N, C-alpha and C. Protein backbone atom coordinates (compact mmCIF):
# COMPACT_ATOMS: atom_id res chain seq x y z
N MET A 1 -15.64 39.32 -46.33
CA MET A 1 -15.85 40.29 -45.40
C MET A 1 -17.27 40.55 -44.95
N LYS A 2 -18.04 40.36 -46.01
CA LYS A 2 -19.67 40.56 -45.67
C LYS A 2 -19.92 39.57 -44.75
N ARG A 3 -19.56 38.30 -44.90
CA ARG A 3 -19.87 37.20 -44.02
C ARG A 3 -19.36 37.41 -42.62
N LEU A 4 -18.22 38.00 -42.62
CA LEU A 4 -17.55 38.32 -41.20
C LEU A 4 -18.40 39.28 -40.40
N VAL A 5 -18.92 40.26 -41.04
CA VAL A 5 -19.59 41.27 -40.61
C VAL A 5 -20.94 40.89 -40.00
N GLU A 6 -21.72 39.85 -40.77
CA GLU A 6 -22.77 39.27 -40.55
C GLU A 6 -22.63 38.40 -39.24
N THR A 7 -21.59 37.71 -39.24
CA THR A 7 -21.33 36.78 -38.03
C THR A 7 -21.12 37.56 -36.81
N LEU A 8 -20.47 38.58 -36.95
CA LEU A 8 -20.07 39.65 -35.75
C LEU A 8 -21.45 40.16 -35.22
N VAL A 9 -22.31 40.60 -36.09
CA VAL A 9 -23.54 41.20 -35.72
C VAL A 9 -24.63 40.12 -35.03
N LEU A 10 -24.48 38.98 -35.62
CA LEU A 10 -25.32 37.80 -35.08
C LEU A 10 -24.78 37.34 -33.74
N LEU A 11 -23.46 37.44 -33.53
CA LEU A 11 -22.84 37.12 -32.22
C LEU A 11 -23.21 38.15 -31.00
N MET A 12 -23.15 39.26 -31.60
CA MET A 12 -23.48 40.45 -30.59
C MET A 12 -24.93 40.58 -30.20
N PHE A 13 -25.79 40.10 -31.28
CA PHE A 13 -27.26 39.99 -30.96
C PHE A 13 -27.48 38.93 -29.85
N ALA A 14 -26.89 37.72 -30.22
CA ALA A 14 -27.12 36.56 -29.20
C ALA A 14 -26.48 36.86 -27.82
N ALA A 15 -25.39 37.58 -27.68
CA ALA A 15 -24.81 37.98 -26.47
C ALA A 15 -25.89 38.99 -25.81
N GLY A 16 -26.44 39.79 -26.29
CA GLY A 16 -27.24 40.91 -25.85
C GLY A 16 -28.58 40.08 -25.39
N VAL A 17 -28.99 39.03 -26.02
CA VAL A 17 -30.30 38.36 -25.64
C VAL A 17 -30.08 37.51 -24.50
N ILE A 18 -28.81 36.77 -24.52
CA ILE A 18 -28.60 35.83 -23.43
C ILE A 18 -28.24 36.40 -22.10
N SER A 19 -27.39 37.57 -22.19
CA SER A 19 -26.93 38.22 -20.96
C SER A 19 -28.05 38.55 -19.91
N PRO A 20 -29.21 39.13 -20.29
CA PRO A 20 -30.32 39.40 -19.23
C PRO A 20 -30.70 38.18 -18.64
N LEU A 21 -30.81 37.13 -19.37
CA LEU A 21 -31.33 35.85 -18.79
C LEU A 21 -30.25 35.33 -17.69
N ALA A 22 -29.17 35.46 -18.03
CA ALA A 22 -28.22 34.96 -16.85
C ALA A 22 -28.19 35.90 -15.45
N VAL A 23 -28.44 37.16 -15.69
CA VAL A 23 -28.51 38.02 -14.63
C VAL A 23 -29.86 37.65 -13.81
N TYR A 24 -30.94 37.51 -14.56
CA TYR A 24 -31.99 37.01 -13.86
C TYR A 24 -32.02 35.65 -13.09
N ALA A 25 -31.40 34.73 -13.77
CA ALA A 25 -31.11 33.45 -13.12
C ALA A 25 -30.30 33.58 -11.92
N ALA A 26 -29.24 34.48 -11.82
CA ALA A 26 -28.47 34.65 -10.62
C ALA A 26 -29.30 35.23 -9.70
N GLU A 27 -30.14 36.05 -9.87
CA GLU A 27 -30.92 36.77 -8.71
C GLU A 27 -31.93 35.73 -8.12
N GLU A 28 -32.41 34.71 -8.82
CA GLU A 28 -33.36 33.77 -8.25
C GLU A 28 -32.64 32.76 -7.28
N VAL A 29 -31.34 32.68 -7.38
CA VAL A 29 -30.79 31.63 -6.36
C VAL A 29 -30.82 32.33 -4.97
N LYS A 30 -31.43 31.30 -4.08
CA LYS A 30 -31.59 31.86 -2.67
C LYS A 30 -30.61 31.06 -1.80
N THR A 31 -30.09 31.73 -0.81
CA THR A 31 -29.26 30.95 -0.03
C THR A 31 -29.84 30.30 1.08
N LYS A 32 -29.51 29.13 1.45
CA LYS A 32 -30.28 28.51 2.53
C LYS A 32 -29.64 28.93 3.82
N THR A 33 -30.68 29.17 4.65
CA THR A 33 -30.28 29.48 5.98
C THR A 33 -30.29 28.49 7.06
N GLU A 34 -29.38 28.39 7.90
CA GLU A 34 -29.35 27.24 8.82
C GLU A 34 -30.24 27.65 10.12
N VAL A 35 -31.09 26.72 10.55
CA VAL A 35 -32.00 26.92 11.69
C VAL A 35 -31.09 26.36 12.97
N VAL A 36 -30.89 27.25 13.77
CA VAL A 36 -30.01 26.98 15.00
C VAL A 36 -31.01 27.14 16.18
N MET A 37 -31.17 25.95 16.99
CA MET A 37 -32.02 26.08 18.10
C MET A 37 -31.10 26.02 19.28
N LYS A 38 -31.32 26.94 20.13
CA LYS A 38 -30.52 27.09 21.41
C LYS A 38 -31.17 26.56 22.61
N SER A 39 -30.66 26.63 23.77
CA SER A 39 -31.45 26.26 25.08
C SER A 39 -32.71 26.84 25.16
N GLY A 40 -33.73 25.96 25.40
CA GLY A 40 -35.06 26.28 25.74
C GLY A 40 -35.93 26.05 24.45
N ALA A 41 -35.42 25.79 23.23
CA ALA A 41 -36.12 25.63 21.95
C ALA A 41 -36.83 24.29 22.09
N MET A 42 -37.83 24.16 21.39
CA MET A 42 -38.53 22.86 21.21
C MET A 42 -38.02 22.17 19.81
N VAL A 43 -37.92 20.87 19.80
CA VAL A 43 -37.50 20.24 18.57
C VAL A 43 -38.24 18.96 18.47
N HIS A 44 -38.31 18.34 17.31
CA HIS A 44 -38.89 17.06 17.20
C HIS A 44 -37.69 16.19 16.65
N LEU A 45 -37.79 14.93 17.33
CA LEU A 45 -36.66 13.88 17.06
C LEU A 45 -37.51 12.87 16.24
N PHE A 46 -36.99 12.68 14.89
CA PHE A 46 -37.55 11.64 14.02
C PHE A 46 -36.78 10.38 14.13
N TYR A 47 -37.74 9.27 14.41
CA TYR A 47 -37.02 7.88 14.48
C TYR A 47 -37.87 6.83 13.64
N SER A 48 -37.51 5.83 13.40
CA SER A 48 -37.89 4.75 12.37
C SER A 48 -39.34 4.39 12.92
N GLY A 49 -39.72 4.38 14.23
CA GLY A 49 -40.99 3.91 14.48
C GLY A 49 -40.94 2.49 15.06
N THR A 50 -39.82 1.96 15.27
CA THR A 50 -39.58 0.60 15.91
C THR A 50 -39.95 0.69 17.39
N GLU A 51 -40.39 -0.38 17.95
CA GLU A 51 -40.47 -0.44 19.44
C GLU A 51 -39.16 -0.57 20.22
N ASP A 52 -38.17 -0.93 19.62
CA ASP A 52 -36.90 -0.95 20.26
C ASP A 52 -36.52 0.52 20.64
N ILE A 53 -36.69 1.47 19.92
CA ILE A 53 -36.27 2.79 20.05
C ILE A 53 -37.28 3.38 21.23
N ARG A 54 -38.47 3.07 21.27
CA ARG A 54 -39.29 3.53 22.44
C ARG A 54 -38.89 2.88 23.67
N LYS A 55 -38.17 1.71 23.65
CA LYS A 55 -37.61 0.91 24.86
C LYS A 55 -36.47 1.68 25.27
N ASP A 56 -35.60 2.05 24.34
CA ASP A 56 -34.25 2.71 24.69
C ASP A 56 -34.43 4.04 25.16
N ILE A 57 -35.44 4.79 24.49
CA ILE A 57 -35.53 6.28 24.78
C ILE A 57 -36.83 6.48 25.65
N CYS A 58 -36.83 6.98 26.84
CA CYS A 58 -37.96 7.10 27.56
C CYS A 58 -38.21 8.54 27.83
N LEU A 59 -39.37 8.78 28.23
CA LEU A 59 -39.75 10.31 28.55
C LEU A 59 -38.88 10.72 29.85
N ASN A 60 -38.46 11.97 29.66
CA ASN A 60 -37.78 12.71 30.61
C ASN A 60 -36.16 12.24 30.56
N ASP A 61 -35.87 11.66 29.57
CA ASP A 61 -34.45 11.17 29.27
C ASP A 61 -33.81 12.40 28.71
N VAL A 62 -32.50 12.57 29.27
CA VAL A 62 -31.57 13.71 28.58
C VAL A 62 -30.57 12.87 27.65
N ILE A 63 -30.68 13.37 26.37
CA ILE A 63 -29.98 12.58 25.33
C ILE A 63 -28.95 13.58 24.70
N PRO A 64 -27.66 13.13 24.57
CA PRO A 64 -26.73 13.98 23.79
C PRO A 64 -26.92 14.09 22.41
N ILE A 65 -26.57 15.25 21.77
CA ILE A 65 -26.85 15.45 20.34
C ILE A 65 -25.44 15.56 19.77
N TYR A 66 -25.32 14.83 18.65
CA TYR A 66 -23.88 14.90 17.81
C TYR A 66 -24.20 15.54 16.41
N ARG A 67 -23.05 16.03 16.06
CA ARG A 67 -23.00 16.58 14.64
C ARG A 67 -21.69 16.04 14.00
N GLU A 68 -21.64 15.61 12.92
CA GLU A 68 -20.54 15.02 12.07
C GLU A 68 -19.69 16.19 11.58
N THR A 69 -18.56 16.24 11.98
CA THR A 69 -17.62 17.32 11.44
C THR A 69 -16.48 16.71 10.60
N THR A 70 -16.19 17.39 9.51
CA THR A 70 -15.05 16.92 8.70
C THR A 70 -13.68 17.24 9.37
N THR A 71 -12.89 16.24 9.63
CA THR A 71 -11.66 16.64 10.40
C THR A 71 -10.34 16.52 9.50
N GLY A 72 -10.34 16.06 8.31
CA GLY A 72 -9.30 15.91 7.47
C GLY A 72 -9.45 14.77 6.31
N PHE A 73 -8.41 14.20 5.93
CA PHE A 73 -8.53 13.26 4.85
C PHE A 73 -7.74 12.04 5.29
N ARG A 74 -8.17 10.75 4.77
CA ARG A 74 -7.48 9.62 5.09
C ARG A 74 -7.21 8.94 3.74
N PRO A 75 -6.07 8.19 3.44
CA PRO A 75 -5.72 7.62 2.27
C PRO A 75 -6.63 6.29 2.08
N VAL A 76 -7.43 6.11 1.32
CA VAL A 76 -8.16 4.97 0.87
C VAL A 76 -8.26 5.03 -0.69
N LYS A 77 -7.79 3.91 -1.51
CA LYS A 77 -7.82 4.12 -2.71
C LYS A 77 -7.68 5.55 -3.39
N GLU A 78 -8.71 6.18 -2.99
CA GLU A 78 -8.65 7.76 -3.13
C GLU A 78 -8.71 8.49 -2.00
N TYR A 79 -8.34 9.67 -1.77
CA TYR A 79 -8.47 10.38 -0.43
C TYR A 79 -9.99 10.64 -0.22
N GLN A 80 -10.36 10.31 0.89
CA GLN A 80 -11.73 10.66 1.44
C GLN A 80 -11.71 11.56 2.69
N LYS A 81 -12.74 12.38 2.75
CA LYS A 81 -12.76 13.28 4.00
C LYS A 81 -13.30 12.24 5.29
N VAL A 82 -12.79 12.44 6.33
CA VAL A 82 -13.00 11.63 7.46
C VAL A 82 -14.12 12.50 8.31
N LYS A 83 -15.18 11.92 8.55
CA LYS A 83 -16.27 12.52 9.34
C LYS A 83 -16.19 11.97 10.81
N THR A 84 -16.24 12.80 11.85
CA THR A 84 -16.30 12.46 13.18
C THR A 84 -17.43 13.06 13.80
N PRO A 85 -18.05 12.28 14.74
CA PRO A 85 -19.17 12.99 15.55
C PRO A 85 -18.60 13.81 16.61
N LYS A 86 -19.23 14.98 16.80
CA LYS A 86 -18.86 15.87 17.92
C LYS A 86 -20.05 16.27 18.71
N GLU A 87 -20.04 16.17 20.12
CA GLU A 87 -21.23 16.41 20.73
C GLU A 87 -21.35 17.81 20.92
N VAL A 88 -22.65 18.33 20.44
CA VAL A 88 -23.03 19.81 20.48
C VAL A 88 -24.06 20.25 21.31
N GLY A 89 -24.70 19.33 21.98
CA GLY A 89 -25.69 19.68 23.06
C GLY A 89 -26.44 18.67 23.52
N LYS A 90 -27.40 18.84 24.23
CA LYS A 90 -28.34 17.86 24.92
C LYS A 90 -29.77 18.24 24.70
N VAL A 91 -30.73 17.24 24.64
CA VAL A 91 -32.12 17.48 24.64
C VAL A 91 -32.74 16.59 25.65
N LYS A 92 -34.09 17.04 26.18
CA LYS A 92 -34.73 16.29 27.15
C LYS A 92 -35.88 15.88 26.42
N VAL A 93 -36.34 14.55 26.44
CA VAL A 93 -37.53 14.13 25.77
C VAL A 93 -38.70 14.33 26.61
N LEU A 94 -39.71 14.97 25.83
CA LEU A 94 -40.92 15.44 26.77
C LEU A 94 -42.20 14.49 26.49
N SER A 95 -42.21 14.06 25.10
CA SER A 95 -43.47 13.29 24.84
C SER A 95 -43.25 12.55 23.72
N TYR A 96 -44.19 11.69 23.27
CA TYR A 96 -44.41 10.91 21.87
C TYR A 96 -45.37 11.82 20.97
N ILE A 97 -45.06 11.86 19.65
CA ILE A 97 -45.90 12.50 18.77
C ILE A 97 -46.06 11.44 17.57
N GLY A 98 -47.06 10.79 17.50
CA GLY A 98 -47.50 9.80 16.57
C GLY A 98 -46.49 8.62 16.71
N ASP A 99 -46.27 7.97 15.52
CA ASP A 99 -45.38 6.87 15.53
C ASP A 99 -44.03 7.20 15.19
N HIS A 100 -43.63 8.25 14.76
CA HIS A 100 -42.26 8.57 14.33
C HIS A 100 -41.55 9.74 14.84
N TYR A 101 -42.22 10.37 15.94
CA TYR A 101 -41.64 11.62 16.47
C TYR A 101 -41.48 11.64 17.99
N PHE A 102 -40.66 12.30 18.54
CA PHE A 102 -40.54 12.78 19.98
C PHE A 102 -40.46 14.07 20.08
N MET A 103 -41.26 14.82 20.94
CA MET A 103 -41.05 16.10 21.34
C MET A 103 -40.01 16.25 22.16
N ALA A 104 -39.05 17.10 22.08
CA ALA A 104 -37.95 17.34 23.04
C ALA A 104 -37.57 18.82 23.18
N GLN A 105 -36.89 19.09 24.29
CA GLN A 105 -36.55 20.55 24.48
C GLN A 105 -35.11 20.61 24.62
N VAL A 106 -34.54 21.64 23.95
CA VAL A 106 -33.01 21.71 24.14
C VAL A 106 -32.49 22.07 25.49
N VAL A 107 -31.74 21.44 26.09
CA VAL A 107 -31.36 21.72 27.57
C VAL A 107 -29.98 22.44 27.34
N GLU A 108 -29.04 22.26 26.56
CA GLU A 108 -27.76 22.87 26.51
C GLU A 108 -27.14 22.80 25.17
N GLY A 109 -26.43 23.73 24.73
CA GLY A 109 -25.72 23.70 23.42
C GLY A 109 -26.57 24.46 22.31
N SER A 110 -26.01 24.46 21.22
CA SER A 110 -26.84 24.92 20.05
C SER A 110 -26.87 23.80 18.98
N ILE A 111 -28.10 23.48 18.46
CA ILE A 111 -28.33 22.34 17.76
C ILE A 111 -28.94 22.78 16.32
N LYS A 112 -28.41 22.15 15.28
CA LYS A 112 -29.03 22.47 14.00
C LYS A 112 -29.78 21.23 13.35
N VAL A 113 -30.59 21.66 12.43
CA VAL A 113 -31.30 20.60 11.64
C VAL A 113 -30.30 19.56 11.05
N GLY A 114 -30.64 18.40 11.23
CA GLY A 114 -29.91 17.33 10.74
C GLY A 114 -28.92 16.69 11.79
N ASP A 115 -28.83 17.19 12.88
CA ASP A 115 -28.01 16.64 13.99
C ASP A 115 -28.64 15.41 14.46
N ILE A 116 -27.76 14.52 15.15
CA ILE A 116 -28.34 13.11 15.51
C ILE A 116 -28.25 13.22 16.98
N ALA A 117 -29.46 12.54 17.52
CA ALA A 117 -29.54 12.35 18.97
C ALA A 117 -29.21 10.83 19.09
N ALA A 118 -28.43 10.50 19.99
CA ALA A 118 -27.92 9.17 20.09
C ALA A 118 -27.94 8.52 21.48
N LYS A 119 -28.57 7.43 21.81
CA LYS A 119 -28.61 6.84 23.13
C LYS A 119 -28.55 5.22 22.91
N LYS A 120 -27.63 4.79 23.45
CA LYS A 120 -27.44 3.23 23.39
C LYS A 120 -27.37 2.89 21.94
N GLY A 121 -28.36 2.04 21.33
CA GLY A 121 -28.32 1.80 19.84
C GLY A 121 -29.41 2.65 19.07
N ALA A 122 -30.06 3.57 19.75
CA ALA A 122 -31.14 4.34 19.19
C ALA A 122 -30.64 5.76 18.71
N TYR A 123 -31.03 6.03 17.39
CA TYR A 123 -30.61 7.21 16.81
C TYR A 123 -31.74 7.76 16.28
N CYS A 124 -31.88 9.30 16.41
CA CYS A 124 -32.98 10.11 16.09
C CYS A 124 -32.55 11.29 15.32
N LEU A 125 -33.17 11.75 14.31
CA LEU A 125 -32.74 12.89 13.48
C LEU A 125 -33.46 14.13 14.11
N VAL A 126 -32.78 15.20 14.31
CA VAL A 126 -33.35 16.39 14.88
C VAL A 126 -34.00 17.30 13.78
N GLN A 127 -35.33 17.56 13.97
CA GLN A 127 -36.07 18.42 13.06
C GLN A 127 -36.67 19.58 13.78
N PRO A 128 -36.87 20.77 13.10
CA PRO A 128 -37.50 21.78 13.72
C PRO A 128 -39.08 21.63 14.10
N THR A 129 -39.72 22.18 14.98
CA THR A 129 -41.03 22.24 15.14
C THR A 129 -41.65 23.25 14.16
N LYS A 130 -42.86 22.95 13.82
CA LYS A 130 -43.44 23.98 12.69
C LYS A 130 -44.65 24.67 13.62
């Protein structure tokens, strides 16, 4: 009986010490906010830096922006989510910035960080300007 009481007291003490730590840990979790750029906003288009992309994408080009959306499942060994590209807007290329970025302006639609600009065989990743 004495051992049972000691065990219960020890468990209550441990629960009292651990529970405030869990509360503080939960408060520290920050939610990610999505950056949405609308018409008129400036964005950077990141690319690999090869000359082929600079030949395909020229200044003043209007390029469609695509976002991959999950549409459903397809049976392959195990069920996998199917991602299909959906056009969400367009940007106009304004200038080159260094070896890996274009400066562009959103012409139409709403664009999020991580969307893809695609023209012919050239693909660029949309990044916000700082």
